[in-house]
N, C-alpha and C. Protein backbone atom coordinates (compact mmCIF):
# COMPACT_ATOMS: atom_id res chain seq x y z
N MET A 1 -2.24 -32.97 34.91
CA MET A 1 -3.22 -32.30 34.16
C MET A 1 -4.22 -31.64 35.25
N ASP A 2 -4.77 -30.42 34.60
CA ASP A 2 -5.90 -29.64 35.35
C ASP A 2 -6.98 -30.27 35.81
N PRO A 3 -7.61 -30.46 37.50
CA PRO A 3 -8.48 -31.13 37.55
C PRO A 3 -9.47 -30.61 37.33
N ASN A 4 -9.45 -29.24 37.04
CA ASN A 4 -10.78 -28.28 36.58
C ASN A 4 -10.98 -28.27 34.98
N ASP A 5 -10.09 -28.89 34.47
CA ASP A 5 -10.14 -28.93 32.83
C ASP A 5 -10.90 -30.37 32.80
N ASP A 6 -12.16 -30.59 32.16
CA ASP A 6 -13.32 -31.28 32.19
C ASP A 6 -13.54 -31.96 30.76
N ARG A 7 -12.11 -31.36 29.71
CA ARG A 7 -12.58 -31.84 28.51
C ARG A 7 -12.64 -33.30 28.04
N GLY A 8 -11.91 -33.91 28.81
CA GLY A 8 -11.98 -35.43 28.27
C GLY A 8 -13.08 -36.01 28.78
N GLU A 9 -13.95 -35.49 29.91
CA GLU A 9 -15.05 -36.15 30.17
C GLU A 9 -16.31 -35.56 29.36
N SER A 10 -16.33 -34.58 28.65
CA SER A 10 -17.25 -34.55 27.73
C SER A 10 -16.79 -34.73 26.53
N ARG A 11 -15.66 -35.11 26.32
CA ARG A 11 -15.66 -35.74 24.76
C ARG A 11 -15.91 -37.15 24.60
N LEU A 12 -16.51 -37.71 23.87
CA LEU A 12 -16.96 -39.03 23.47
C LEU A 12 -16.35 -39.50 22.46
N TYR A 13 -15.82 -41.07 22.36
CA TYR A 13 -15.32 -41.89 21.52
C TYR A 13 -16.40 -42.34 21.15
N ILE A 14 -16.78 -42.85 19.51
CA ILE A 14 -17.78 -43.41 18.73
C ILE A 14 -17.33 -44.40 18.12
N GLY A 15 -17.01 -45.61 18.25
CA GLY A 15 -16.92 -46.78 17.43
C GLY A 15 -17.82 -47.38 16.82
N ASN A 16 -17.02 -48.56 16.47
CA ASN A 16 -18.20 -49.32 15.24
C ASN A 16 -19.21 -48.92 14.36
N LEU A 17 -18.41 -47.71 13.97
CA LEU A 17 -19.10 -47.01 12.87
C LEU A 17 -19.20 -47.98 11.56
N ASP A 18 -20.53 -47.86 10.78
CA ASP A 18 -20.50 -48.33 9.52
C ASP A 18 -19.82 -47.62 8.88
N LEU A 19 -19.19 -47.65 7.93
CA LEU A 19 -18.39 -46.74 6.51
C LEU A 19 -19.27 -46.07 5.75
N ARG A 20 -20.62 -46.53 5.89
CA ARG A 20 -21.95 -45.65 4.81
C ARG A 20 -22.01 -44.40 5.78
N ILE A 21 -21.87 -44.21 7.16
CA ILE A 21 -22.01 -43.02 8.06
C ILE A 21 -21.19 -41.84 7.83
N THR A 22 -21.67 -41.06 7.15
CA THR A 22 -20.95 -39.43 6.97
C THR A 22 -20.87 -38.82 8.33
N GLU A 23 -19.91 -37.76 8.23
CA GLU A 23 -19.97 -36.88 9.34
C GLU A 23 -21.03 -36.11 9.74
N ALA A 24 -21.62 -35.59 8.86
CA ALA A 24 -22.60 -34.79 8.82
C ALA A 24 -24.15 -35.53 9.47
N ALA A 25 -24.34 -37.19 9.04
CA ALA A 25 -25.08 -38.10 9.82
C ALA A 25 -24.63 -37.98 11.19
N LEU A 26 -23.66 -38.36 11.27
CA LEU A 26 -22.90 -38.65 12.77
C LEU A 26 -23.32 -37.42 13.68
N LEU A 27 -23.20 -36.36 13.17
CA LEU A 27 -23.77 -34.59 13.97
C LEU A 27 -25.00 -34.82 14.07
N LYS A 28 -25.88 -35.30 13.02
CA LYS A 28 -27.42 -35.55 13.16
C LYS A 28 -27.50 -36.15 14.31
N MET A 29 -27.17 -37.31 14.33
CA MET A 29 -27.65 -38.57 15.58
C MET A 29 -27.12 -38.10 16.98
N PHE A 30 -26.18 -37.39 17.03
CA PHE A 30 -25.66 -37.10 18.46
C PHE A 30 -26.20 -35.36 18.92
N SER A 31 -26.63 -34.68 17.91
CA SER A 31 -26.76 -33.06 18.36
C SER A 31 -28.10 -32.89 19.30
N PRO A 32 -28.98 -33.92 19.16
CA PRO A 32 -29.93 -33.88 20.12
C PRO A 32 -29.59 -34.14 21.62
N TYR A 33 -28.46 -34.18 21.94
CA TYR A 33 -27.93 -34.28 23.16
C TYR A 33 -27.22 -33.51 23.93
N GLY A 34 -26.95 -32.52 22.80
CA GLY A 34 -26.49 -31.27 23.97
C GLY A 34 -25.58 -30.20 22.75
N LYS A 35 -25.03 -29.29 22.83
CA LYS A 35 -24.28 -28.70 22.22
C LYS A 35 -22.72 -29.19 21.96
N ILE A 36 -22.53 -29.76 20.68
CA ILE A 36 -21.35 -30.23 19.99
C ILE A 36 -20.36 -29.00 19.81
N ILE A 37 -19.30 -28.93 20.44
CA ILE A 37 -18.16 -27.93 20.37
C ILE A 37 -17.08 -28.35 19.05
N SER A 38 -17.15 -29.66 19.16
CA SER A 38 -15.98 -29.91 18.06
C SER A 38 -16.32 -31.70 17.92
N GLU A 39 -15.59 -31.70 16.70
CA GLU A 39 -15.97 -33.29 15.92
C GLU A 39 -14.75 -33.79 15.31
N ASP A 40 -14.65 -35.06 15.68
CA ASP A 40 -13.31 -35.40 14.89
C ASP A 40 -13.61 -36.71 14.29
N PHE A 41 -13.70 -36.86 13.09
CA PHE A 41 -14.22 -37.96 12.48
C PHE A 41 -12.77 -38.38 11.63
N LEU A 42 -12.65 -39.68 12.11
CA LEU A 42 -11.21 -40.15 11.51
C LEU A 42 -11.32 -40.91 10.08
N TRP A 43 -10.37 -40.44 9.18
CA TRP A 43 -10.08 -41.12 7.94
C TRP A 43 -8.72 -41.58 7.96
N HIS A 44 -8.47 -42.74 6.90
CA HIS A 44 -7.40 -43.53 6.36
C HIS A 44 -6.60 -42.13 5.86
N THR A 45 -5.21 -42.11 6.15
CA THR A 45 -4.36 -41.01 5.54
C THR A 45 -3.33 -41.53 4.56
N ARG A 46 -3.35 -42.74 4.80
CA ARG A 46 -2.40 -43.42 3.74
C ARG A 46 -2.68 -44.89 3.55
N GLY A 47 -1.96 -45.70 2.58
CA GLY A 47 -2.34 -47.00 1.93
C GLY A 47 -3.92 -47.16 1.03
N PRO A 48 -3.76 -48.38 0.88
CA PRO A 48 -5.02 -48.64 -0.07
C PRO A 48 -6.38 -47.76 0.35
N LYS A 49 -6.55 -47.90 1.63
CA LYS A 49 -8.01 -47.23 1.76
C LYS A 49 -7.89 -45.74 2.07
N ARG A 50 -6.89 -44.92 1.75
CA ARG A 50 -6.76 -43.46 1.90
C ARG A 50 -7.93 -42.90 1.41
N GLY A 51 -8.65 -42.09 2.39
CA GLY A 51 -9.52 -41.28 2.05
C GLY A 51 -10.70 -41.94 2.75
N GLU A 52 -10.88 -43.33 2.67
CA GLU A 52 -12.24 -44.14 3.59
C GLU A 52 -11.97 -43.71 4.91
N PRO A 53 -13.33 -43.64 5.95
CA PRO A 53 -13.69 -43.66 7.08
C PRO A 53 -13.01 -44.67 7.69
N ARG A 54 -12.18 -44.33 8.96
CA ARG A 54 -11.59 -45.53 9.84
C ARG A 54 -12.74 -46.31 10.70
N GLY A 55 -14.21 -45.77 10.37
CA GLY A 55 -14.80 -46.40 11.60
C GLY A 55 -15.07 -45.83 12.87
N PHE A 56 -14.34 -44.84 13.26
CA PHE A 56 -14.60 -44.22 14.43
C PHE A 56 -14.18 -42.54 14.57
N ALA A 57 -15.04 -41.85 15.56
CA ALA A 57 -14.71 -40.22 16.05
C ALA A 57 -14.98 -39.92 16.69
N PHE A 58 -14.79 -38.99 17.56
CA PHE A 58 -14.69 -38.33 18.89
C PHE A 58 -15.64 -37.18 18.63
N ILE A 59 -16.60 -36.97 19.64
CA ILE A 59 -17.42 -35.50 19.83
C ILE A 59 -17.48 -35.12 20.77
N GLN A 60 -16.83 -33.63 21.09
CA GLN A 60 -17.04 -32.81 22.03
C GLN A 60 -18.15 -32.17 22.36
N TYR A 61 -18.57 -32.63 23.56
CA TYR A 61 -19.88 -31.94 24.10
C TYR A 61 -19.39 -30.47 24.85
N SER A 62 -20.00 -29.38 25.32
CA SER A 62 -19.91 -28.69 25.87
C SER A 62 -19.81 -28.65 27.12
N THR A 63 -20.43 -29.76 27.62
CA THR A 63 -20.83 -30.35 28.76
C THR A 63 -20.62 -31.57 29.11
N LYS A 64 -20.12 -31.86 30.31
CA LYS A 64 -19.78 -33.46 31.26
C LYS A 64 -21.31 -34.20 30.87
N GLU A 65 -22.42 -33.26 31.40
CA GLU A 65 -23.63 -34.00 31.58
C GLU A 65 -24.03 -34.29 30.10
N GLU A 66 -23.91 -33.23 29.16
CA GLU A 66 -24.44 -34.05 27.97
C GLU A 66 -23.44 -34.78 27.15
N ALA A 67 -22.36 -34.90 27.68
CA ALA A 67 -21.79 -36.32 26.97
C ALA A 67 -22.20 -37.46 27.47
N GLU A 68 -22.42 -37.22 29.11
CA GLU A 68 -23.08 -38.69 29.83
C GLU A 68 -24.24 -38.77 29.17
N LEU A 69 -25.19 -38.11 29.03
CA LEU A 69 -26.53 -38.22 28.39
C LEU A 69 -26.43 -39.15 26.79
N ALA A 70 -25.30 -38.27 26.23
CA ALA A 70 -25.19 -39.04 24.43
C ALA A 70 -24.89 -40.72 24.51
N LYS A 71 -23.89 -40.91 25.88
CA LYS A 71 -23.40 -41.84 25.96
C LYS A 71 -24.46 -42.91 26.23
N GLU A 72 -24.96 -42.63 27.02
CA GLU A 72 -26.22 -43.15 27.87
C GLU A 72 -27.32 -43.54 26.93
N LYS A 73 -27.65 -42.67 26.20
CA LYS A 73 -28.97 -42.83 24.85
C LYS A 73 -28.09 -43.58 23.57
N MET A 74 -26.96 -43.63 22.96
CA MET A 74 -26.60 -44.09 22.07
C MET A 74 -25.67 -45.26 22.18
N HIS A 75 -24.87 -45.41 23.15
CA HIS A 75 -24.27 -46.59 23.38
C HIS A 75 -25.09 -48.06 23.00
N GLY A 76 -24.46 -48.64 22.27
CA GLY A 76 -25.33 -49.92 21.79
C GLY A 76 -26.47 -49.75 20.48
N ARG A 77 -26.94 -48.42 20.71
CA ARG A 77 -27.83 -48.28 19.52
C ARG A 77 -27.41 -48.83 18.07
N LEU A 78 -28.45 -49.23 17.31
CA LEU A 78 -28.02 -49.69 15.83
C LEU A 78 -27.87 -48.55 14.87
N ALA A 79 -26.90 -48.41 14.14
CA ALA A 79 -26.93 -47.24 13.53
C ALA A 79 -26.42 -48.45 11.71
N CYS A 80 -26.95 -48.50 10.71
CA CYS A 80 -26.64 -49.17 9.82
C CYS A 80 -26.77 -50.60 10.05
N SER A 81 -27.47 -51.16 11.10
CA SER A 81 -27.40 -52.59 11.65
C SER A 81 -26.26 -52.79 12.46
N ARG A 82 -25.44 -51.82 12.90
CA ARG A 82 -24.02 -51.89 13.70
C ARG A 82 -24.34 -51.34 14.75
N PRO A 83 -24.33 -52.18 16.03
CA PRO A 83 -24.31 -51.59 17.37
C PRO A 83 -23.30 -50.34 17.62
N LEU A 84 -23.73 -49.37 17.88
CA LEU A 84 -22.53 -48.08 18.34
C LEU A 84 -21.76 -48.49 19.47
N VAL A 85 -20.74 -47.99 19.58
CA VAL A 85 -19.61 -48.30 20.71
C VAL A 85 -19.41 -46.75 21.19
N VAL A 86 -20.20 -46.43 22.32
CA VAL A 86 -19.93 -45.09 22.86
C VAL A 86 -19.61 -45.20 23.95
N ARG A 87 -18.18 -43.99 24.35
CA ARG A 87 -17.96 -44.13 26.06
C ARG A 87 -17.02 -42.66 26.18
N LEU A 88 -16.82 -42.48 27.14
CA LEU A 88 -16.16 -41.35 27.29
C LEU A 88 -14.63 -41.67 26.65
N ALA A 89 -14.03 -40.21 25.93
CA ALA A 89 -12.85 -40.75 25.60
C ALA A 89 -11.71 -40.89 26.56
N GLY A 90 -12.21 -40.04 27.48
CA GLY A 90 -10.81 -40.29 28.63
C GLY A 90 -10.98 -41.70 29.46
N ASP A 91 -11.74 -42.51 29.38
CA ASP A 91 -12.05 -43.62 30.01
C ASP A 91 -10.79 -44.71 30.07
N LYS A 92 -10.32 -45.10 30.78
CA LYS A 92 -9.19 -45.99 30.78
C LYS A 92 -9.34 -47.31 30.59
N CYS A 93 -10.23 -48.08 31.38
CA CYS A 93 -10.53 -49.16 31.41
C CYS A 93 -11.47 -49.38 30.18
N MET A 94 -11.21 -50.05 29.17
CA MET A 94 -12.05 -50.39 28.01
C MET A 94 -12.44 -51.77 27.73
N LEU A 95 -11.71 -52.45 28.61
CA LEU A 95 -12.05 -54.03 28.61
C LEU A 95 -13.10 -54.64 28.75
N GLU A 96 -13.71 -53.86 29.52
CA GLU A 96 -15.04 -54.60 29.79
C GLU A 96 -16.26 -54.21 28.87
N THR A 97 -15.87 -53.09 28.35
CA THR A 97 -16.77 -52.09 27.35
C THR A 97 -16.48 -53.30 25.94
N VAL A 98 -15.27 -53.74 25.51
CA VAL A 98 -15.20 -54.29 24.42
C VAL A 98 -15.45 -55.87 24.81
N ASP A 99 -15.34 -56.62 25.67
CA ASP A 99 -15.74 -58.01 25.92
C ASP A 99 -17.43 -57.95 26.17
N SER A 100 -18.05 -57.11 26.84
CA SER A 100 -19.48 -57.20 26.85
C SER A 100 -19.85 -56.73 25.57
N SER A 101 -19.62 -55.85 24.70
CA SER A 101 -20.23 -55.39 23.42
C SER A 101 -19.98 -56.58 22.58
N THR A 102 -18.84 -57.30 22.48
CA THR A 102 -18.73 -58.19 21.61
C THR A 102 -19.64 -59.73 22.09
N LYS A 103 -19.80 -59.85 23.03
CA LYS A 103 -20.71 -61.12 23.50
C LYS A 103 -22.23 -60.38 23.41
N ALA A 104 -22.51 -59.17 23.27
CA ALA A 104 -23.96 -58.58 22.92
C ALA A 104 -23.95 -58.81 21.19
N ALA A 105 -23.07 -58.50 20.74
CA ALA A 105 -23.07 -58.80 19.02
C ALA A 105 -23.40 -60.01 18.77
N GLY A 106 -22.77 -61.15 19.56
CA GLY A 106 -22.56 -62.18 19.09
C GLY A 106 -21.34 -62.87 18.82
N GLU A 107 -20.99 -63.97 18.72
CA GLU A 107 -19.89 -64.75 18.08
C GLU A 107 -19.42 -64.07 16.87
N GLY A 108 -20.20 -64.12 15.68
CA GLY A 108 -19.97 -63.74 14.56
C GLY A 108 -19.61 -62.36 14.43
N HIS A 109 -19.53 -61.44 15.23
CA HIS A 109 -19.13 -60.04 14.86
C HIS A 109 -18.23 -59.41 15.84
N LYS A 110 -16.93 -59.54 15.67
CA LYS A 110 -15.87 -59.45 16.43
C LYS A 110 -15.14 -57.64 15.88
N MET A 111 -16.45 -56.91 15.46
CA MET A 111 -15.73 -55.48 15.05
C MET A 111 -15.11 -54.59 15.99
N HIS A 112 -15.90 -55.20 17.25
CA HIS A 112 -15.06 -54.22 18.12
C HIS A 112 -13.62 -54.39 18.50
N LEU A 113 -13.00 -55.62 18.25
CA LEU A 113 -11.85 -55.86 18.52
C LEU A 113 -10.93 -55.48 17.18
N THR A 114 -11.06 -54.63 16.49
CA THR A 114 -10.55 -54.14 15.26
C THR A 114 -9.93 -52.88 15.41
N GLY A 115 -10.25 -52.20 16.58
CA GLY A 115 -9.72 -50.82 17.13
C GLY A 115 -8.50 -50.14 16.32
N GLY A 116 -8.73 -49.29 16.06
CA GLY A 116 -7.79 -48.16 15.01
C GLY A 116 -6.98 -47.45 15.69
N GLY A 117 -5.97 -47.31 16.55
CA GLY A 117 -4.80 -46.67 17.12
C GLY A 117 -4.97 -46.39 18.34
N GLY A 118 -4.25 -45.35 18.99
CA GLY A 118 -4.15 -44.83 20.22
C GLY A 118 -4.18 -46.11 21.36
N ALA A 119 -5.24 -45.78 22.46
CA ALA A 119 -5.24 -46.26 23.41
C ALA A 119 -6.37 -47.72 23.15
N MET A 120 -7.31 -47.54 22.20
CA MET A 120 -7.89 -48.58 21.79
C MET A 120 -7.10 -49.38 21.39
N GLY A 121 -6.41 -49.16 20.34
CA GLY A 121 -5.44 -50.06 19.58
C GLY A 121 -4.92 -50.96 20.86
N GLN A 122 -4.23 -50.73 21.63
CA GLN A 122 -3.49 -51.31 22.89
C GLN A 122 -4.36 -52.24 23.25
N THR A 123 -5.97 -51.85 24.05
CA THR A 123 -6.87 -52.43 24.61
C THR A 123 -7.23 -53.58 23.75
N SER A 124 -7.20 -53.33 22.40
CA SER A 124 -7.93 -54.26 21.64
C SER A 124 -6.93 -55.39 21.26
N ARG A 125 -5.61 -55.08 21.30
CA ARG A 125 -4.52 -56.19 21.20
C ARG A 125 -4.46 -57.07 22.12
N SER A 126 -4.42 -56.62 23.68
CA SER A 126 -4.70 -57.39 24.67
C SER A 126 -6.31 -58.11 24.95
N ALA A 127 -7.35 -57.16 24.07
CA ALA A 127 -8.32 -58.21 24.33
C ALA A 127 -8.28 -59.36 23.47
N LYS A 128 -7.67 -59.36 22.08
CA LYS A 128 -7.62 -60.25 21.26
C LYS A 128 -6.80 -61.17 21.88
N ILE A 129 -5.62 -60.92 22.43
CA ILE A 129 -4.59 -61.88 23.14
C ILE A 129 -5.34 -62.92 24.21
N ALA A 130 -6.38 -61.91 25.06
CA ALA A 130 -7.27 -62.81 25.86
C ALA A 130 -8.10 -63.88 25.31
N ALA A 131 -9.06 -63.13 24.49
CA ALA A 131 -9.80 -64.00 23.95
C ALA A 131 -9.14 -65.12 23.17
N ILE A 132 -8.18 -65.27 22.52
CA ILE A 132 -7.45 -66.33 22.34
C ILE A 132 -6.83 -67.25 23.12
N LYS A 133 -6.38 -66.74 24.10
CA LYS A 133 -5.83 -67.50 25.12
C LYS A 133 -7.16 -68.31 25.63
N ASN A 134 -8.56 -67.71 26.12
CA ASN A 134 -9.35 -68.36 26.56
C ASN A 134 -9.95 -69.39 25.55
N LYS A 135 -10.11 -69.19 24.32
CA LYS A 135 -10.60 -69.68 23.04
C LYS A 135 -9.24 -71.43 23.40
N LEU A 136 -8.03 -71.06 23.39
CA LEU A 136 -7.25 -72.39 23.17
C LEU A 136 -7.52 -73.17 24.76
N LYS A 137 -7.56 -72.40 25.75
CA LYS A 137 -7.84 -73.28 26.71
C LYS A 137 -9.10 -74.10 26.73
N SER A 138 -9.73 -73.70 26.45
CA SER A 138 -11.33 -74.40 26.43
C SER A 138 -11.14 -75.40 25.37
N LEU A 139 -10.65 -75.08 24.12
CA LEU A 139 -10.39 -76.50 23.12
C LEU A 139 -9.63 -77.36 23.78
N GLU A 140 -8.37 -76.98 24.54
CA GLU A 140 -7.45 -77.98 24.86
C GLU A 140 -8.07 -78.66 26.14
N GLU A 141 -9.01 -78.20 26.70
CA GLU A 141 -9.68 -78.77 27.78
C GLU A 141 -10.98 -79.85 27.02
N GLU A 142 -11.44 -79.29 26.45
CA GLU A 142 -12.42 -80.33 25.49
C GLU A 142 -11.40 -81.65 24.88
N SER A 143 -10.41 -80.98 24.50
CA SER A 143 -9.40 -82.24 23.88
C SER A 143 -9.57 -82.89 24.76
N SER A 144 -8.96 -82.53 25.64
CA SER A 144 -8.59 -83.89 26.95
C SER A 144 -9.76 -84.47 27.17
N ARG A 145 -10.77 -84.00 27.75
CA ARG A 145 -11.86 -84.52 27.98
C ARG A 145 -12.59 -85.77 26.69
N THR A 146 -12.28 -85.06 25.75
CA THR A 146 -12.61 -86.42 24.60
C THR A 146 -11.55 -87.42 24.70
N LYS A 147 -10.27 -87.33 24.87
CA LYS A 147 -9.08 -87.91 24.82
C LYS A 147 -9.38 -89.09 26.18
N LYS A 148 -10.22 -88.88 27.16
CA LYS A 148 -10.11 -89.59 28.44
C LYS A 148 -11.41 -90.41 28.20
N GLN A 149 -12.05 -89.86 27.52
CA GLN A 149 -13.84 -90.55 27.15
C GLN A 149 -13.12 -91.96 26.25
N LYS A 150 -12.30 -91.42 25.18
CA LYS A 150 -11.69 -92.56 24.27
C LYS A 150 -11.42 -93.59 24.81
N GLN A 151 -10.24 -93.39 25.93
CA GLN A 151 -9.54 -94.13 26.31
C GLN A 151 -10.53 -95.14 27.50
N SER A 152 -11.60 -94.74 28.12
CA SER A 152 -12.32 -95.34 29.27
C SER A 152 -13.45 -96.47 28.00
N ASP A 153 -13.62 -95.84 26.97
CA ASP A 153 -14.39 -96.93 25.84
C ASP A 153 -13.29 -97.72 25.49
N ASN A 154 -12.22 -97.61 25.44
CA ASN A 154 -11.23 -98.77 24.90
C ASN A 154 -11.01 -99.82 25.92
N ILE A 155 -11.04 -99.43 27.37
CA ILE A 155 -10.49 -100.41 28.19
C ILE A 155 -11.85 -101.12 28.84
N SER A 156 -13.56 -100.50 28.54
CA SER A 156 -14.64 -101.64 28.42
C SER A 156 -14.80 -102.17 27.38
């Protein structure tokens, strides 16, 4: 990859989009931060949801600085009562983003872990596995504590 090619650095991933948000609305939300040179709004292409939005999109700005500004201003911002996930499309390390935004959204909102394809799908899967392992571990610890408590209650 050519180091002078900064298309990846000026391309943003926008996730956790409410299905009511249209392409036009998305462009309107992100246009104040710079010149948008391309937009890729993803749709389901087959299956029962064919033609429906997939809940994420990519926006390409003309410069890295515009993309950084949009990311800074729009990440976590509520759109139709859902916090947007905005990051540089080229970012490889996404686990921290997924984990912190899930905690911020509260336990009931696991929508950041639903990922839809590409690198995000891989991260979502490993993030889900990690979350399940952590939950299982905490349940096992809790269970062993209550068993020990019951045993000591029976002895006395």
